[in-house]
Amino acid sequence: MISMVSRLQEQYRYGGLRHQRQMRLEKLEEAFVLLLAELLGHRAQLPNSEHKLVAFLQDYAYKALVCPKTGLPYAGDAPSDLNGTKIATLRLSSGSLRRKGVRMYKEF
């Protein structure tokens, strides 16, 4: 009986670690938030205030996604103090980007 309980506890711990690893991978994949209207025309190096705005909007978008699917765009609502700003999020996988010819990427 004790060995069965310890085995179940070990399986639970392993499943928890696997879940944590999966959550970390999902967060990395979700790091590609597309703010097309805001970012397409900008230079590669954004000024500090724009970096802060992009980081704020990314955090806001990440919190809104519960169980995102890869390749589907999600429209979001911007905070009330950013009236008129549109937010769109898209979860991408690195494999699909490589297949389409992107060699290295960070954010866009």
Protein backbone atom coordinates (compact mmCIF):
# COMPACT_ATOMS: atom_id res chain seq x y z
CA MET A 1 0.00 0.00 0.00
CA ILE A 2 2.78 2.43 0.90
CA SER A 3 4.70 1.72 -2.30
CA MET A 4 1.54 2.35 -4.31
CA VAL A 5 1.02 5.72 -2.62
CA SER A 6 4.65 6.72 -3.13
CA ARG A 7 4.44 5.65 -6.79
CA LEU A 8 1.31 7.79 -7.26
CA GLN A 9 3.03 10.73 -5.57
CA GLU A 10 6.02 10.33 -7.88
CA GLN A 11 3.78 10.20 -10.95
CA TYR A 12 1.96 13.31 -9.74
CA ARG A 13 5.27 15.12 -9.25
CA TYR A 14 6.50 14.07 -12.70
CA GLY A 15 3.22 15.19 -14.28
CA GLY A 16 3.52 18.54 -12.46
CA LEU A 17 7.05 19.05 -13.77
CA ARG A 18 5.95 18.12 -17.27
CA HIS A 19 3.08 20.61 -17.00
CA GLN A 20 5.48 23.34 -15.82
CA ARG A 21 7.84 22.60 -18.72
CA GLN A 22 4.94 22.72 -21.16
CA MET A 23 3.75 26.03 -19.70
CA ARG A 24 7.26 27.51 -20.12
CA LEU A 25 7.36 26.38 -23.74
CA GLU A 26 3.93 27.85 -24.37
CA LYS A 27 5.03 31.18 -22.90
CA LEU A 28 8.05 31.19 -25.21
CA GLU A 29 5.85 30.45 -28.19
CA GLU A 30 3.41 33.16 -27.16
CA ALA A 31 6.25 35.68 -27.10
CA PHE A 32 5.43 36.57 -30.68
CA VAL A 33 2.69 39.14 -30.32
CA LEU A 34 1.91 40.91 -33.53
CA LEU A 35 1.09 44.56 -33.22
CA LEU A 36 0.96 45.04 -36.97
CA ALA A 37 -0.51 48.51 -37.09
CA GLU A 38 2.04 49.79 -34.57
CA LEU A 39 5.24 47.98 -35.51
CA LEU A 40 5.44 47.35 -39.26
CA GLY A 41 6.85 50.73 -40.19
CA HIS A 42 9.23 51.11 -37.24
CA ARG A 43 12.99 50.75 -37.24
CA ALA A 44 14.60 47.58 -35.86
CA GLN A 45 15.67 49.44 -32.72
CA LEU A 46 12.70 50.97 -30.93
CA PRO A 47 13.09 53.90 -28.53
CA ASN A 48 12.82 53.07 -24.83
CA SER A 49 9.25 54.36 -24.42
CA GLU A 50 8.07 52.22 -27.34
CA HIS A 51 9.79 49.17 -25.82
CA LYS A 52 7.87 49.79 -22.62
CA LEU A 53 4.58 50.15 -24.49
CA VAL A 54 5.17 46.94 -26.47
CA ALA A 55 6.12 45.05 -23.28
CA PHE A 56 3.02 46.35 -21.51
CA LEU A 57 0.74 45.34 -24.40
CA GLN A 58 2.40 41.91 -24.63
CA ASP A 59 1.84 41.26 -20.93
CA TYR A 60 -1.75 42.42 -21.26
CA ALA A 61 -2.32 40.11 -24.24
CA TYR A 62 -0.66 37.10 -22.56
CA LYS A 63 -2.95 37.39 -19.56
CA ALA A 64 -5.99 37.38 -21.84
CA LEU A 65 -5.04 34.09 -23.51
CA VAL A 66 -6.22 31.04 -21.61
CA CYS A 67 -5.63 28.16 -24.02
CA PRO A 68 -4.39 29.60 -27.34
CA LYS A 69 -4.09 27.52 -30.48
CA THR A 70 -1.05 27.87 -32.73
CA GLY A 71 -1.64 29.82 -35.93
CA LEU A 72 -4.94 31.45 -34.98
CA PRO A 73 -5.04 35.24 -34.53
CA TYR A 74 -6.76 36.51 -31.40
CA ALA A 75 -8.12 40.06 -31.18
CA GLY A 76 -7.81 41.72 -27.81
CA ASP A 77 -9.16 44.73 -26.01
CA ALA A 78 -6.63 47.36 -25.05
CA PRO A 79 -6.72 48.89 -21.58
CA SER A 80 -9.11 51.82 -21.23
CA ASP A 81 -6.26 54.36 -21.01
CA LEU A 82 -5.10 53.32 -24.52
CA ASN A 83 -8.31 54.20 -26.29
CA GLY A 84 -8.20 53.54 -30.04
CA THR A 85 -5.34 51.02 -29.85
CA LYS A 86 -5.99 47.60 -31.34
CA ILE A 87 -4.23 44.48 -30.06
CA ALA A 88 -3.86 41.23 -31.96
CA THR A 89 -2.00 38.15 -30.74
CA LEU A 90 -0.78 35.18 -32.75
CA ARG A 91 0.95 32.13 -31.32
CA LEU A 92 3.62 30.78 -33.67
CA SER A 93 5.95 27.82 -33.46
CA SER A 94 9.60 28.11 -34.44
CA GLY A 95 9.31 25.11 -36.79
CA SER A 96 6.66 26.75 -38.94
CA LEU A 97 8.72 29.94 -39.18
CA ARG A 98 11.80 27.99 -40.27
CA ARG A 99 9.78 26.16 -42.93
CA LYS A 100 8.69 29.53 -44.30
CA GLY A 101 12.31 30.75 -44.58
CA VAL A 102 12.81 32.74 -41.37
CA ARG A 103 16.31 31.89 -40.16
CA MET A 104 16.40 33.88 -36.94
CA TYR A 105 13.73 35.84 -35.17
CA LYS A 106 13.10 37.73 -31.97
CA GLU A 107 9.94 39.80 -32.11
CA PHE A 108 8.03 41.56 -34.80
